[in-house]
Amino acid sequence: MKKVVFASFAIAFGMASTTAQAQSTEEGAAGLRVEALAGWDRIDLSIDEANDIEDNDSGIFYGIGIGYDLPSGPVLVGVEAELSSSTNGVEEQVSGVEIDGSVLDGTLSVEDGLNWYVGGRLGTWVGESTAFYGKVGYARTTIDIDAEGTVDGVPASDSADLDFGGWRFGVGVEQRFGTSAFGKLEYRYTSYSDAEVEYDGTSVEVGEIFDTVDLERHQIVAGVGFRF
């Protein structure tokens, strides 16, 4: 009888331990998460006209993200949002440029501004701590344009913002460390398909430029974060 009681106790204890471990794994893989992001960023621009023009610029990507993963067992289902920017940019000296009868001299700078993204991800957990997933969402990026110099010898300065929007697709892998910390690595591709110019307090949609212009973004991003 004692052996039966002992065996029953051992089985019950083992089942409870296994259940607790499974719940811990599931709970640790779900919930609210925040993360810091950094990586490589490249913007590709091509203009299809009589003479094809292609250019690209690479820089360091940095940002922060927040998301929520649903408690769905071995399936990874989540939503996420992100704010970011990069060191992409260029500064050019212009001299003697004539526009509408005026002569411009000075400095023209183009820099990557604030970018945001909202989307979702879907994947699977392999074992207790590794997940592979795909992601898709909408991304918006702002390009800051500043000009400073002279117009017909008179000091002048001006600025404008170009806002581009499009769909982002990506794949990634996430690795859990303990019950709350995690790291991840992603590749993202963004294709922009709409745009507007913000100048002097007025916004004008200029999506027709994508009839001849292709604007794409490639990123390899690493992240570290915590779940709550």
C-alpha atoms as a PDB file:
ATOM      1  CA  MET A   1       0.000   0.000   0.000  1.00  0.00           C
ATOM      2  CA  LYS A   2       2.821   2.362   0.902  1.00  0.00           C
ATOM      3  CA  LYS A   3       4.394   1.681  -2.492  1.00  0.00           C
ATOM      4  CA  VAL A   4       1.121   2.546  -4.250  1.00  0.00           C
ATOM      5  CA  VAL A   5       0.773   5.800  -2.280  1.00  0.00           C
ATOM      6  CA  PHE A   6       4.401   6.720  -2.946  1.00  0.00           C
ATOM      7  CA  ALA A   7       4.054   5.947  -6.678  1.00  0.00           C
ATOM      8  CA  SER A   8       0.846   7.985  -6.901  1.00  0.00           C
ATOM      9  CA  PHE A   9       2.513  10.903  -5.129  1.00  0.00           C
ATOM     10  CA  ALA A  10       5.517  10.711  -7.472  1.00  0.00           C
ATOM     11  CA  ILE A  11       3.289  10.683 -10.577  1.00  0.00           C
ATOM     12  CA  ALA A  12       1.217  13.600  -9.308  1.00  0.00           C
ATOM     13  CA  PHE A  13       4.338  15.579  -8.428  1.00  0.00           C
ATOM     14  CA  GLY A  14       5.831  14.891 -11.857  1.00  0.00           C
ATOM     15  CA  MET A  15       2.655  15.992 -13.652  1.00  0.00           C
ATOM     16  CA  ALA A  16       2.462  19.161 -11.585  1.00  0.00           C
ATOM     17  CA  SER A  17       6.101  19.939 -12.305  1.00  0.00           C
ATOM     18  CA  THR A  18       5.625  19.359 -16.038  1.00  0.00           C
ATOM     19  CA  THR A  19       2.476  21.508 -16.100  1.00  0.00           C
ATOM     20  CA  ALA A  20       4.172  24.310 -14.204  1.00  0.00           C
ATOM     21  CA  GLN A  21       7.130  24.207 -16.590  1.00  0.00           C
ATOM     22  CA  ALA A  22       4.822  24.320 -19.629  1.00  0.00           C
ATOM     23  CA  GLN A  23       2.866  27.223 -18.144  1.00  0.00           C
ATOM     24  CA  SER A  24       6.090  29.054 -17.352  1.00  0.00           C
ATOM     25  CA  THR A  25       7.289  28.571 -20.908  1.00  0.00           C
ATOM     26  CA  GLU A  26       3.995  29.740 -22.384  1.00  0.00           C
ATOM     27  CA  GLU A  27       3.693  32.713 -20.063  1.00  0.00           C
ATOM     28  CA  GLY A  28       7.317  33.696 -20.656  1.00  0.00           C
ATOM     29  CA  ALA A  29       6.746  33.662 -24.413  1.00  0.00           C
ATOM     30  CA  ALA A  30       3.681  35.904 -24.205  1.00  0.00           C
ATOM     31  CA  GLY A  31       2.711  39.297 -22.874  1.00  0.00           C
ATOM     32  CA  LEU A  32       3.912  42.870 -23.217  1.00  0.00           C
ATOM     33  CA  ARG A  33       7.485  43.401 -24.425  1.00  0.00           C
ATOM     34  CA  VAL A  34       9.809  46.366 -24.927  1.00  0.00           C
ATOM     35  CA  GLU A  35      13.071  46.363 -26.859  1.00  0.00           C
ATOM     36  CA  ALA A  36      16.053  48.415 -27.979  1.00  0.00           C
ATOM     37  CA  LEU A  37      17.080  48.058 -31.625  1.00  0.00           C
ATOM     38  CA  ALA A  38      20.231  48.709 -33.663  1.00  0.00           C
ATOM     39  CA  GLY A  39      21.630  47.556 -36.975  1.00  0.00           C
ATOM     40  CA  TRP A  40      22.411  48.275 -40.625  1.00  0.00           C
ATOM     41  CA  ASP A  41      20.151  50.337 -42.853  1.00  0.00           C
ATOM     42  CA  ARG A  42      20.268  51.002 -46.615  1.00  0.00           C
ATOM     43  CA  ILE A  43      17.987  53.164 -48.747  1.00  0.00           C
ATOM     44  CA  ASP A  44      17.861  52.410 -52.495  1.00  0.00           C
ATOM     45  CA  LEU A  45      16.601  55.007 -54.970  1.00  0.00           C
ATOM     46  CA  SER A  46      16.102  54.462 -58.695  1.00  0.00           C
ATOM     47  CA  ILE A  47      14.540  56.787 -61.273  1.00  0.00           C
ATOM     48  CA  ASP A  48      13.268  55.278 -64.517  1.00  0.00           C
ATOM     49  CA  GLU A  49      13.487  57.892 -67.228  1.00  0.00           C
ATOM     50  CA  ALA A  50      15.448  58.324 -70.458  1.00  0.00           C
ATOM     51  CA  ASN A  51      18.620  57.629 -68.473  1.00  0.00           C
ATOM     52  CA  ASP A  52      18.183  55.340 -65.477  1.00  0.00           C
ATOM     53  CA  ILE A  53      19.488  56.832 -62.236  1.00  0.00           C
ATOM     54  CA  GLU A  54      20.331  54.626 -59.282  1.00  0.00           C
ATOM     55  CA  ASP A  55      21.722  55.588 -55.895  1.00  0.00           C
ATOM     56  CA  ASN A  56      21.843  54.230 -52.353  1.00  0.00           C
ATOM     57  CA  ASP A  57      22.957  55.309 -48.925  1.00  0.00           C
ATOM     58  CA  SER A  58      23.846  53.127 -45.937  1.00  0.00           C
ATOM     59  CA  GLY A  59      23.989  53.985 -42.276  1.00  0.00           C
ATOM     60  CA  ILE A  60      23.443  52.834 -38.708  1.00  0.00           C
ATOM     61  CA  PHE A  61      19.870  52.083 -37.674  1.00  0.00           C
ATOM     62  CA  TYR A  62      18.646  52.686 -34.095  1.00  0.00           C
ATOM     63  CA  GLY A  63      15.264  52.651 -32.420  1.00  0.00           C
ATOM     64  CA  ILE A  64      12.896  51.337 -29.770  1.00  0.00           C
ATOM     65  CA  GLY A  65       9.965  48.951 -30.046  1.00  0.00           C
ATOM     66  CA  ILE A  66       6.972  47.741 -28.089  1.00  0.00           C
ATOM     67  CA  GLY A  67       4.746  44.754 -28.716  1.00  0.00           C
ATOM     68  CA  TYR A  68       2.363  42.202 -27.322  1.00  0.00           C
ATOM     69  CA  ASP A  69       2.520  38.452 -27.986  1.00  0.00           C
ATOM     70  CA  LEU A  70      -0.586  36.341 -27.438  1.00  0.00           C
ATOM     71  CA  PRO A  71      -0.437  33.226 -25.211  1.00  0.00           C
ATOM     72  CA  SER A  72      -0.989  30.670 -27.982  1.00  0.00           C
ATOM     73  CA  GLY A  73       1.260  27.757 -27.038  1.00  0.00           C
ATOM     74  CA  PRO A  74       3.872  26.815 -29.651  1.00  0.00           C
ATOM     75  CA  VAL A  75       2.494  29.383 -32.133  1.00  0.00           C
ATOM     76  CA  LEU A  76       3.921  32.913 -31.958  1.00  0.00           C
ATOM     77  CA  VAL A  77       1.290  35.580 -32.693  1.00  0.00           C
ATOM     78  CA  GLY A  78       1.957  39.209 -31.883  1.00  0.00           C
ATOM     79  CA  VAL A  79       1.452  42.872 -32.713  1.00  0.00           C
ATOM     80  CA  GLU A  80       4.163  45.513 -32.536  1.00  0.00           C
ATOM     81  CA  ALA A  81       5.066  49.174 -33.044  1.00  0.00           C
ATOM     82  CA  GLU A  82       8.385  50.900 -33.521  1.00  0.00           C
ATOM     83  CA  LEU A  83      10.033  54.339 -33.556  1.00  0.00           C
ATOM     84  CA  SER A  84      13.418  54.661 -35.216  1.00  0.00           C
ATOM     85  CA  SER A  85      15.868  56.669 -37.281  1.00  0.00           C
ATOM     86  CA  SER A  86      19.283  56.200 -38.873  1.00  0.00           C
ATOM     87  CA  THR A  87      22.500  58.009 -39.710  1.00  0.00           C
ATOM     88  CA  ASN A  88      21.630  58.014 -43.426  1.00  0.00           C
ATOM     89  CA  GLY A  89      22.117  61.434 -44.944  1.00  0.00           C
ATOM     90  CA  VAL A  90      24.110  63.593 -47.298  1.00  0.00           C
ATOM     91  CA  GLU A  91      25.302  67.198 -47.368  1.00  0.00           C
ATOM     92  CA  GLU A  92      26.153  68.962 -50.613  1.00  0.00           C
ATOM     93  CA  GLN A  93      27.615  72.360 -51.437  1.00  0.00           C
ATOM     94  CA  VAL A  94      25.837  74.147 -54.284  1.00  0.00           C
ATOM     95  CA  SER A  95      27.165  77.165 -56.131  1.00  0.00           C
ATOM     96  CA  GLY A  96      25.745  79.246 -58.932  1.00  0.00           C
ATOM     97  CA  VAL A  97      22.577  77.163 -59.302  1.00  0.00           C
ATOM     98  CA  GLU A  98      19.930  79.148 -61.198  1.00  0.00           C
ATOM     99  CA  ILE A  99      16.259  78.534 -60.381  1.00  0.00           C
ATOM    100  CA  ASP A 100      13.464  80.784 -61.697  1.00  0.00           C
ATOM    101  CA  GLY A 101      15.930  83.533 -62.490  1.00  0.00           C
ATOM    102  CA  SER A 102      17.572  83.505 -59.034  1.00  0.00           C
ATOM    103  CA  VAL A 103      21.093  82.312 -58.253  1.00  0.00           C
ATOM    104  CA  LEU A 104      21.480  79.970 -55.280  1.00  0.00           C
ATOM    105  CA  ASP A 105      24.669  79.344 -53.304  1.00  0.00           C
ATOM    106  CA  GLY A 106      24.963  77.395 -50.075  1.00  0.00           C
ATOM    107  CA  THR A 107      24.564  74.028 -48.409  1.00  0.00           C
ATOM    108  CA  LEU A 108      21.837  71.460 -49.006  1.00  0.00           C
ATOM    109  CA  SER A 109      21.475  68.670 -46.437  1.00  0.00           C
ATOM    110  CA  VAL A 110      19.216  65.628 -46.627  1.00  0.00           C
ATOM    111  CA  GLU A 111      18.848  63.470 -43.501  1.00  0.00           C
ATOM    112  CA  ASP A 112      16.757  60.548 -42.343  1.00  0.00           C
ATOM    113  CA  GLY A 113      14.194  61.777 -39.830  1.00  0.00           C
ATOM    114  CA  LEU A 114      11.738  60.001 -37.546  1.00  0.00           C
ATOM    115  CA  ASN A 115      10.396  56.664 -38.794  1.00  0.00           C
ATOM    116  CA  TRP A 116       7.509  54.626 -37.394  1.00  0.00           C
ATOM    117  CA  TYR A 117       6.098  51.184 -38.037  1.00  0.00           C
ATOM    118  CA  VAL A 118       3.045  49.183 -36.930  1.00  0.00           C
ATOM    119  CA  GLY A 119       2.445  45.557 -37.817  1.00  0.00           C
ATOM    120  CA  GLY A 120       2.239  41.990 -36.686  1.00  0.00           C
ATOM    121  CA  ARG A 121       4.265  38.815 -36.640  1.00  0.00           C
ATOM    122  CA  LEU A 122       3.470  35.124 -36.916  1.00  0.00           C
ATOM    123  CA  GLY A 123       5.773  32.194 -36.259  1.00  0.00           C
ATOM    124  CA  THR A 124       6.486  29.138 -34.172  1.00  0.00           C
ATOM    125  CA  TRP A 125       8.463  28.278 -31.070  1.00  0.00           C
ATOM    126  CA  VAL A 126      11.090  25.578 -31.572  1.00  0.00           C
ATOM    127  CA  GLY A 127      11.707  24.051 -28.170  1.00  0.00           C
ATOM    128  CA  GLU A 128      11.234  26.260 -25.144  1.00  0.00           C
ATOM    129  CA  SER A 129      13.367  29.275 -26.021  1.00  0.00           C
ATOM    130  CA  THR A 130      13.773  29.800 -29.796  1.00  0.00           C
ATOM    131  CA  ALA A 131      11.204  31.219 -32.214  1.00  0.00           C
ATOM    132  CA  PHE A 132      11.219  31.751 -35.982  1.00  0.00           C
ATOM    133  CA  TYR A 133       8.722  34.209 -37.468  1.00  0.00           C
ATOM    134  CA  GLY A 134       7.662  36.395 -40.358  1.00  0.00           C
ATOM    135  CA  LYS A 135       6.352  39.934 -40.034  1.00  0.00           C
ATOM    136  CA  VAL A 136       4.367  42.439 -42.102  1.00  0.00           C
ATOM    137  CA  GLY A 137       3.118  45.957 -41.498  1.00  0.00           C
ATOM    138  CA  TYR A 138       2.991  49.585 -42.586  1.00  0.00           C
ATOM    139  CA  ALA A 139       6.069  51.809 -42.317  1.00  0.00           C
ATOM    140  CA  ARG A 140       6.385  55.574 -42.563  1.00  0.00           C
ATOM    141  CA  THR A 141       9.636  57.498 -42.931  1.00  0.00           C
ATOM    142  CA  THR A 142      10.434  61.223 -42.935  1.00  0.00           C
ATOM    143  CA  ILE A 143      13.291  62.769 -44.894  1.00  0.00           C
ATOM    144  CA  ASP A 144      14.405  66.167 -43.561  1.00  0.00           C
ATOM    145  CA  ILE A 145      15.653  68.647 -46.191  1.00  0.00           C
ATOM    146  CA  ASP A 146      17.436  71.828 -45.089  1.00  0.00           C
ATOM    147  CA  ALA A 147      18.988  74.537 -47.253  1.00  0.00           C
ATOM    148  CA  GLU A 148      21.104  77.431 -46.018  1.00  0.00           C
ATOM    149  CA  GLY A 149      23.039  79.999 -48.029  1.00  0.00           C
ATOM    150  CA  THR A 150      22.241  82.966 -50.257  1.00  0.00           C
ATOM    151  CA  VAL A 151      19.704  83.786 -52.963  1.00  0.00           C
ATOM    152  CA  ASP A 152      21.048  86.488 -55.287  1.00  0.00           C
ATOM    153  CA  GLY A 153      23.558  87.335 -52.568  1.00  0.00           C
ATOM    154  CA  VAL A 154      20.943  87.717 -49.822  1.00  0.00           C
ATOM    155  CA  PRO A 155      21.223  85.303 -46.844  1.00  0.00           C
ATOM    156  CA  ALA A 156      18.386  82.771 -46.794  1.00  0.00           C
ATOM    157  CA  SER A 157      17.409  79.408 -45.346  1.00  0.00           C
ATOM    158  CA  ASP A 158      14.537  77.008 -45.848  1.00  0.00           C
ATOM    159  CA  SER A 159      13.411  73.495 -44.952  1.00  0.00           C
ATOM    160  CA  ALA A 160      10.897  70.855 -45.972  1.00  0.00           C
ATOM    161  CA  ASP A 161       9.924  67.310 -45.017  1.00  0.00           C
ATOM    162  CA  LEU A 162       9.297  64.421 -47.388  1.00  0.00           C
ATOM    163  CA  ASP A 163       7.100  61.692 -45.881  1.00  0.00           C
ATOM    164  CA  PHE A 164       7.102  58.246 -47.507  1.00  0.00           C
ATOM    165  CA  GLY A 165       4.841  55.313 -46.645  1.00  0.00           C
ATOM    166  CA  GLY A 166       4.783  51.684 -47.694  1.00  0.00           C
ATOM    167  CA  TRP A 167       4.604  48.028 -46.715  1.00  0.00           C
ATOM    168  CA  ARG A 168       7.326  46.276 -44.747  1.00  0.00           C
ATOM    169  CA  PHE A 169       8.040  42.550 -44.837  1.00  0.00           C
ATOM    170  CA  GLY A 170      10.560  40.692 -42.716  1.00  0.00           C
ATOM    171  CA  VAL A 171      11.770  37.468 -41.175  1.00  0.00           C
ATOM    172  CA  GLY A 172      13.433  36.936 -37.829  1.00  0.00           C
ATOM    173  CA  VAL A 173      14.595  34.674 -35.051  1.00  0.00           C
ATOM    174  CA  GLU A 174      14.126  35.287 -31.333  1.00  0.00           C
ATOM    175  CA  GLN A 175      16.005  33.690 -28.445  1.00  0.00           C
ATOM    176  CA  ARG A 176      14.766  33.781 -24.854  1.00  0.00           C
ATOM    177  CA  PHE A 177      17.197  34.183 -21.957  1.00  0.00           C
ATOM    178  CA  GLY A 178      15.582  33.116 -18.703  1.00  0.00           C
ATOM    179  CA  THR A 179      11.928  33.993 -18.164  1.00  0.00           C
ATOM    180  CA  SER A 180      11.842  37.641 -19.285  1.00  0.00           C
ATOM    181  CA  ALA A 181      14.903  38.681 -21.324  1.00  0.00           C
ATOM    182  CA  PHE A 182      15.262  37.996 -25.038  1.00  0.00           C
ATOM    183  CA  GLY A 183      17.332  38.856 -28.084  1.00  0.00           C
ATOM    184  CA  LYS A 184      16.361  38.827 -31.744  1.00  0.00           C
ATOM    185  CA  LEU A 185      17.765  39.257 -35.247  1.00  0.00           C
ATOM    186  CA  GLU A 186      15.694  40.374 -38.250  1.00  0.00           C
ATOM    187  CA  TYR A 187      15.918  41.182 -41.938  1.00  0.00           C
ATOM    188  CA  ARG A 188      13.388  43.772 -43.137  1.00  0.00           C
ATOM    189  CA  TYR A 189      12.435  44.982 -46.614  1.00  0.00           C
ATOM    190  CA  THR A 190      10.272  48.069 -47.151  1.00  0.00           C
ATOM    191  CA  SER A 191       8.790  49.226 -50.463  1.00  0.00           C
ATOM    192  CA  TYR A 192       7.428  52.786 -50.424  1.00  0.00           C
ATOM    193  CA  SER A 193       4.385  53.580 -52.543  1.00  0.00           C
ATOM    194  CA  ASP A 194       2.962  56.906 -51.307  1.00  0.00           C
ATOM    195  CA  ALA A 195       4.469  60.262 -50.414  1.00  0.00           C
ATOM    196  CA  GLU A 196       3.691  63.803 -49.357  1.00  0.00           C
ATOM    197  CA  VAL A 197       5.661  67.019 -48.982  1.00  0.00           C
ATOM    198  CA  GLU A 198       5.310  69.190 -45.884  1.00  0.00           C
ATOM    199  CA  TYR A 199       6.424  72.768 -46.528  1.00  0.00           C
ATOM    200  CA  ASP A 200       5.550  76.007 -44.772  1.00  0.00           C
ATOM    201  CA  GLY A 201       2.743  74.343 -42.811  1.00  0.00           C
ATOM    202  CA  THR A 202       1.119  72.784 -45.875  1.00  0.00           C
ATOM    203  CA  SER A 203       1.044  69.099 -46.859  1.00  0.00           C
ATOM    204  CA  VAL A 204       0.751  68.066 -50.493  1.00  0.00           C
ATOM    205  CA  GLU A 205       0.424  64.463 -51.656  1.00  0.00           C
ATOM    206  CA  VAL A 206       2.906  63.585 -54.391  1.00  0.00           C
ATOM    207  CA  GLY A 207       2.313  59.860 -54.771  1.00  0.00           C
ATOM    208  CA  GLU A 208       2.534  60.204 -58.554  1.00  0.00           C
ATOM    209  CA  ILE A 209       6.326  60.399 -58.276  1.00  0.00           C
ATOM    210  CA  PHE A 210       6.298  56.623 -57.814  1.00  0.00           C
ATOM    211  CA  ASP A 211       5.285  56.318 -61.468  1.00  0.00           C
ATOM    212  CA  THR A 212       8.980  56.839 -62.251  1.00  0.00           C
ATOM    213  CA  VAL A 213      10.686  56.484 -58.851  1.00  0.00           C
ATOM    214  CA  ASP A 214      11.385  53.299 -56.883  1.00  0.00           C
ATOM    215  CA  LEU A 215      12.273  53.789 -53.217  1.00  0.00           C
ATOM    216  CA  GLU A 216      13.188  50.744 -51.130  1.00  0.00           C
ATOM    217  CA  ARG A 217      14.774  50.055 -47.768  1.00  0.00           C
ATOM    218  CA  HIS A 218      16.792  47.071 -46.543  1.00  0.00           C
ATOM    219  CA  GLN A 219      17.632  46.541 -42.870  1.00  0.00           C
ATOM    220  CA  ILE A 220      19.429  43.975 -40.746  1.00  0.00           C
ATOM    221  CA  VAL A 221      18.436  44.683 -37.156  1.00  0.00           C
ATOM    222  CA  ALA A 222      19.355  43.181 -33.797  1.00  0.00           C
ATOM    223  CA  GLY A 223      17.308  43.763 -30.676  1.00  0.00           C
ATOM    224  CA  VAL A 224      17.366  43.061 -26.956  1.00  0.00           C
ATOM    225  CA  GLY A 225      14.405  43.408 -24.650  1.00  0.00           C
ATOM    226  CA  PHE A 226      12.243  42.230 -21.771  1.00  0.00           C
ATOM    227  CA  ARG A 227       8.764  40.809 -21.336  1.00  0.00           C
ATOM    228  CA  PHE A 228       6.454  41.787 -18.500  1.00  0.00           C
END
